[in-house]
C-alpha atoms as a PDB file:
ATOM      1  CA  GLY A   1       0.000   0.000   0.000  1.00  0.00           C
ATOM      2  CA  LEU A   2       0.852   3.688   0.000  1.00  0.00           C
ATOM      3  CA  SER A   3       0.849   6.006   3.022  1.00  0.00           C
ATOM      4  CA  TYR A   4       0.809   9.747   2.315  1.00  0.00           C
ATOM      5  CA  TYR A   5       0.123  13.048   4.053  1.00  0.00           C
ATOM      6  CA  PRO A   6      -2.005  15.368   1.901  1.00  0.00           C
ATOM      7  CA  ALA A   7      -1.322  19.110   2.111  1.00  0.00           C
ATOM      8  CA  GLY A   8      -3.775  20.751   4.496  1.00  0.00           C
ATOM      9  CA  ALA A   9      -4.883  17.436   6.033  1.00  0.00           C
ATOM     10  CA  ASP A  10      -4.938  16.630   9.735  1.00  0.00           C
ATOM     11  CA  ASN A  11      -3.650  13.082   9.419  1.00  0.00           C
ATOM     12  CA  TRP A  12      -2.055  10.473   7.188  1.00  0.00           C
ATOM     13  CA  LYS A  13      -3.980   8.674   4.445  1.00  0.00           C
ATOM     14  CA  TYR A  14      -3.470   5.104   3.247  1.00  0.00           C
ATOM     15  CA  GLN A  15      -4.318   3.559  -0.102  1.00  0.00           C
ATOM     16  CA  ARG A  16      -4.237  -0.205  -0.503  1.00  0.00           C
ATOM     17  CA  PHE A  17      -3.120  -1.832  -3.762  1.00  0.00           C
ATOM     18  CA  THR A  18      -3.543  -5.453  -4.821  1.00  0.00           C
ATOM     19  CA  TYR A  19      -0.257  -5.402  -6.770  1.00  0.00           C
ATOM     20  CA  GLU A  20       3.265  -4.539  -5.678  1.00  0.00           C
ATOM     21  CA  ILE A  21       4.061  -0.937  -6.618  1.00  0.00           C
ATOM     22  CA  ALA A  22       7.249  -0.560  -8.688  1.00  0.00           C
ATOM     23  CA  ASP A  23       7.310   3.275  -8.636  1.00  0.00           C
ATOM     24  CA  VAL A  24       5.047   6.177  -7.670  1.00  0.00           C
ATOM     25  CA  LEU A  25       4.794   9.880  -8.590  1.00  0.00           C
ATOM     26  CA  PRO A  26       2.569  12.475  -6.922  1.00  0.00           C
ATOM     27  CA  PHE A  27       0.574  14.331  -9.573  1.00  0.00           C
ATOM     28  CA  ASN A  28      -2.007  17.048  -8.819  1.00  0.00           C
ATOM     29  CA  ASN A  29      -4.525  15.415  -6.439  1.00  0.00           C
ATOM     30  CA  TYR A  30      -3.663  11.820  -7.292  1.00  0.00           C
ATOM     31  CA  PHE A  31      -0.729   9.448  -7.797  1.00  0.00           C
ATOM     32  CA  ILE A  32       0.752   7.845 -10.897  1.00  0.00           C
ATOM     33  CA  VAL A  33       1.785   4.295  -9.986  1.00  0.00           C
ATOM     34  CA  SER A  34       3.391   1.462 -11.893  1.00  0.00           C
ATOM     35  CA  PHE A  35       2.690  -2.227 -11.336  1.00  0.00           C
ATOM     36  CA  GLY A  36       4.682  -4.648 -13.458  1.00  0.00           C
ATOM     37  CA  SER A  37       3.950  -3.509 -17.018  1.00  0.00           C
ATOM     38  CA  ARG A  38       1.050  -1.132 -16.259  1.00  0.00           C
ATOM     39  CA  ILE A  39       0.842   2.564 -15.366  1.00  0.00           C
ATOM     40  CA  SER A  40      -2.240   3.714 -13.485  1.00  0.00           C
ATOM     41  CA  ARG A  41      -3.713   6.788 -11.871  1.00  0.00           C
ATOM     42  CA  ALA A  42      -4.748   6.224  -8.249  1.00  0.00           C
ATOM     43  CA  SER A  43      -7.017   8.497  -6.239  1.00  0.00           C
ATOM     44  CA  GLY A  44      -9.253   7.823  -3.256  1.00  0.00           C
ATOM     45  CA  GLY A  45      -9.133   4.047  -3.636  1.00  0.00           C
ATOM     46  CA  VAL A  46      -9.990   4.151  -7.355  1.00  0.00           C
ATOM     47  CA  ILE A  47      -7.414   3.059  -9.935  1.00  0.00           C
ATOM     48  CA  PHE A  48      -7.589   3.955 -13.652  1.00  0.00           C
ATOM     49  CA  THR A  49      -5.189   2.399 -16.157  1.00  0.00           C
ATOM     50  CA  ILE A  50      -3.234   4.979 -18.151  1.00  0.00           C
ATOM     51  CA  SER A  51      -1.207   2.625 -20.326  1.00  0.00           C
ATOM     52  CA  ASN A  52       0.040  -0.960 -20.627  1.00  0.00           C
ATOM     53  CA  PHE A  53       3.513  -1.945 -21.817  1.00  0.00           C
ATOM     54  CA  SER A  54       4.854  -5.211 -23.198  1.00  0.00           C
ATOM     55  CA  THR A  55       7.698  -5.184 -20.660  1.00  0.00           C
ATOM     56  CA  ASN A  56       8.221  -4.376 -16.974  1.00  0.00           C
ATOM     57  CA  ILE A  57       8.368  -0.756 -15.863  1.00  0.00           C
ATOM     58  CA  LEU A  58      11.504   0.117 -13.888  1.00  0.00           C
ATOM     59  CA  CYS A  59      11.072   3.846 -13.180  1.00  0.00           C
ATOM     60  CA  LEU A  60       8.798   6.858 -13.555  1.00  0.00           C
ATOM     61  CA  SER A  61       9.653  10.542 -13.804  1.00  0.00           C
ATOM     62  CA  GLN A  62       7.991  13.712 -15.079  1.00  0.00           C
ATOM     63  CA  ASP A  63       8.455  17.274 -16.195  1.00  0.00           C
ATOM     64  CA  LYS A  64       5.912  19.947 -17.163  1.00  0.00           C
ATOM     65  CA  LYS A  65       4.843  18.224 -20.402  1.00  0.00           C
ATOM     66  CA  TYR A  66       5.605  14.511 -20.136  1.00  0.00           C
ATOM     67  CA  LEU A  67       5.571  11.433 -17.981  1.00  0.00           C
ATOM     68  CA  TYR A  68       8.762   9.412 -18.611  1.00  0.00           C
ATOM     69  CA  VAL A  69       8.674   5.638 -18.295  1.00  0.00           C
ATOM     70  CA  GLY A  70      11.858   3.584 -18.036  1.00  0.00           C
ATOM     71  CA  THR A  71      11.305  -0.069 -18.937  1.00  0.00           C
ATOM     72  CA  ASN A  72      13.323  -3.227 -19.534  1.00  0.00           C
ATOM     73  CA  SER A  73      13.064  -2.341 -23.252  1.00  0.00           C
ATOM     74  CA  GLY A  74      14.013   1.340 -23.246  1.00  0.00           C
ATOM     75  CA  LEU A  75      12.549   4.751 -22.501  1.00  0.00           C
ATOM     76  CA  PHE A  76       9.071   6.025 -23.371  1.00  0.00           C
ATOM     77  CA  LYS A  77       7.297   9.330 -22.873  1.00  0.00           C
ATOM     78  CA  ILE A  78       3.596  10.031 -22.508  1.00  0.00           C
ATOM     79  CA  ALA A  79       2.153  13.518 -22.991  1.00  0.00           C
ATOM     80  CA  LYS A  80       0.339  14.453 -19.785  1.00  0.00           C
ATOM     81  CA  GLU A  81      -2.957  14.986 -21.587  1.00  0.00           C
ATOM     82  CA  ALA A  82      -2.700  11.670 -23.476  1.00  0.00           C
ATOM     83  CA  ASN A  83      -2.348   7.971 -22.700  1.00  0.00           C
ATOM     84  CA  ILE A  84      -0.213   6.958 -25.681  1.00  0.00           C
ATOM     85  CA  PRO A  85       3.420   6.005 -24.977  1.00  0.00           C
ATOM     86  CA  MET A  86       5.996   7.085 -27.566  1.00  0.00           C
ATOM     87  CA  SER A  87       9.437   5.513 -27.810  1.00  0.00           C
ATOM     88  CA  PHE A  88      11.980   8.088 -26.667  1.00  0.00           C
ATOM     89  CA  GLY A  89      15.626   7.425 -26.129  1.00  0.00           C
ATOM     90  CA  PRO A  90      18.881   6.308 -27.624  1.00  0.00           C
ATOM     91  CA  ASP A  91      18.677   2.551 -27.093  1.00  0.00           C
ATOM     92  CA  ARG A  92      16.320  -0.306 -26.281  1.00  0.00           C
ATOM     93  CA  TYR A  93      17.968  -1.605 -23.110  1.00  0.00           C
ATOM     94  CA  ALA A  94      16.807  -1.340 -19.504  1.00  0.00           C
ATOM     95  CA  VAL A  95      16.351   2.255 -18.268  1.00  0.00           C
ATOM     96  CA  TYR A  96      16.706   2.539 -14.490  1.00  0.00           C
ATOM     97  CA  VAL A  97      16.438   6.285 -13.874  1.00  0.00           C
ATOM     98  CA  VAL A  98      15.261   9.437 -15.688  1.00  0.00           C
ATOM     99  CA  TYR A  99      16.223  12.869 -14.340  1.00  0.00           C
ATOM    100  CA  PRO A 100      14.606  15.750 -16.284  1.00  0.00           C
ATOM    101  CA  MET A 101      15.961  19.279 -15.901  1.00  0.00           C
ATOM    102  CA  ASP A 102      14.993  22.524 -17.656  1.00  0.00           C
ATOM    103  CA  ASN A 103      17.333  22.196 -20.661  1.00  0.00           C
ATOM    104  CA  GLU A 104      18.295  18.537 -20.507  1.00  0.00           C
ATOM    105  CA  ILE A 105      17.114  15.078 -19.551  1.00  0.00           C
ATOM    106  CA  PHE A 106      19.594  12.668 -17.983  1.00  0.00           C
ATOM    107  CA  VAL A 107      19.005   8.924 -18.311  1.00  0.00           C
ATOM    108  CA  GLY A 108      20.752   6.045 -16.582  1.00  0.00           C
ATOM    109  CA  SER A 109      20.479   2.734 -18.375  1.00  0.00           C
ATOM    110  CA  GLU A 110      21.948  -0.741 -18.411  1.00  0.00           C
ATOM    111  CA  THR A 111      24.422   0.316 -21.109  1.00  0.00           C
ATOM    112  CA  GLY A 112      25.324   3.886 -20.172  1.00  0.00           C
ATOM    113  CA  PHE A 113      24.517   7.391 -19.028  1.00  0.00           C
ATOM    114  CA  TYR A 114      22.818   9.632 -21.599  1.00  0.00           C
ATOM    115  CA  LYS A 115      21.994  13.315 -21.901  1.00  0.00           C
ATOM    116  CA  TYR A 116      19.192  14.665 -24.086  1.00  0.00           C
ATOM    117  CA  ASN A 117      19.524  18.311 -25.142  1.00  0.00           C
ATOM    118  CA  ARG A 118      15.999  19.724 -25.521  1.00  0.00           C
ATOM    119  CA  LYS A 119      17.096  22.720 -27.622  1.00  0.00           C
ATOM    120  CA  PHE A 120      18.923  20.629 -30.232  1.00  0.00           C
ATOM    121  CA  ASN A 121      16.668  17.555 -29.917  1.00  0.00           C
ATOM    122  CA  LYS A 122      19.753  15.362 -29.595  1.00  0.00           C
ATOM    123  CA  TRP A 123      20.915  12.451 -27.421  1.00  0.00           C
ATOM    124  CA  LEU A 124      24.551  12.102 -26.333  1.00  0.00           C
ATOM    125  CA  LYS A 125      26.104   9.113 -24.603  1.00  0.00           C
ATOM    126  CA  GLU A 126      28.112  10.644 -21.757  1.00  0.00           C
ATOM    127  CA  ILE A 127      29.415   7.416 -20.185  1.00  0.00           C
ATOM    128  CA  SER A 128      29.553   3.853 -21.542  1.00  0.00           C
ATOM    129  CA  PHE A 129      28.891   2.503 -18.093  1.00  0.00           C
ATOM    130  CA  GLY A 130      25.563   1.337 -16.633  1.00  0.00           C
ATOM    131  CA  VAL A 131      23.892   3.819 -14.238  1.00  0.00           C
ATOM    132  CA  LYS A 132      20.998   2.912 -11.934  1.00  0.00           C
ATOM    133  CA  ASP A 133      20.421   6.123  -9.946  1.00  0.00           C
ATOM    134  CA  ILE A 134      21.030   9.886 -10.225  1.00  0.00           C
ATOM    135  CA  VAL A 135      21.117  12.458  -7.435  1.00  0.00           C
ATOM    136  CA  GLU A 136      21.768  16.173  -7.974  1.00  0.00           C
ATOM    137  CA  LEU A 137      23.282  18.353  -5.266  1.00  0.00           C
ATOM    138  CA  LYS A 138      24.417  21.954  -5.853  1.00  0.00           C
ATOM    139  CA  GLY A 139      24.912  21.560  -9.601  1.00  0.00           C
ATOM    140  CA  VAL A 140      26.735  18.242  -9.334  1.00  0.00           C
ATOM    141  CA  LEU A 141      25.288  14.903 -10.457  1.00  0.00           C
ATOM    142  CA  TYR A 142      26.119  11.843  -8.395  1.00  0.00           C
ATOM    143  CA  LEU A 143      25.602   8.693 -10.449  1.00  0.00           C
ATOM    144  CA  LEU A 144      25.286   5.243  -8.928  1.00  0.00           C
ATOM    145  CA  GLY A 145      26.692   2.691 -11.342  1.00  0.00           C
ATOM    146  CA  VAL A 146      25.206  -0.761 -11.821  1.00  0.00           C
ATOM    147  CA  ASN A 147      28.270  -2.076  -9.972  1.00  0.00           C
ATOM    148  CA  ASN A 148      27.537   0.349  -7.051  1.00  0.00           C
ATOM    149  CA  GLN A 149      30.430   2.649  -7.963  1.00  0.00           C
ATOM    150  CA  VAL A 150      29.698   6.380  -7.465  1.00  0.00           C
ATOM    151  CA  ILE A 151      30.561   8.714 -10.350  1.00  0.00           C
ATOM    152  CA  ILE A 152      30.617  12.499  -9.881  1.00  0.00           C
ATOM    153  CA  MET A 153      29.733  14.746 -12.846  1.00  0.00           C
ATOM    154  CA  GLN A 154      29.660  18.530 -12.981  1.00  0.00           C
ATOM    155  CA  ILE A 155      26.598  19.756 -14.886  1.00  0.00           C
ATOM    156  CA  ILE A 156      27.535  21.899 -17.887  1.00  0.00           C
ATOM    157  CA  PHE A 157      24.515  23.591 -19.429  1.00  0.00           C
ATOM    158  CA  CYS A 158      24.385  23.707 -23.221  1.00  0.00           C
ATOM    159  CA  GLY A 159      21.959  26.193 -24.691  1.00  0.00           C
END
C-alpha cells in the first residue's frame, strides 16, 4: 500500500493496492503508480489504467509536459494529456532512472549514461557505463553505477 500526508490534512492517508508498486509519482490530487507492465492513476481508492507496456516498468519521472517511463526495453514518454506512450531514447535496453531538468534530460540505463539536449533535440552518450540512480546536489550529479560505484559529474549547461 501507500501512506501519504495530503497538504492541508490533519492526518495520514493510506491507499491499498492489490499489486506490488514498482514506482510512484505524486501528480495534482492523485498518484501515478506502476505495477509490473502497467501505469495507473490512483485516487481515493480508485485506480484507472493509463497505459500498458509489453515489458516491466523500472522507473517513472515527469516534467511539465511529459511522464517518462523507463522499462526493460528502453525509454518512453507520454504527454500528460494523453495515454499513448511514444518511444523516446537512444537505445532499447533497460532504463533505471530518468532525471529531467529545464534544458536537458539525464538517463541512466543498463548500457550507459545519456543526456538529451531539448534545444537541439539530440541524445549524447556521456558514459559507456551502466547507471541505476542519479542524485543532484548543488549543480553536481552523483551517479550510482550498476556495480555500485559512485561517479561524480559537474553539470555543464548547453543552450
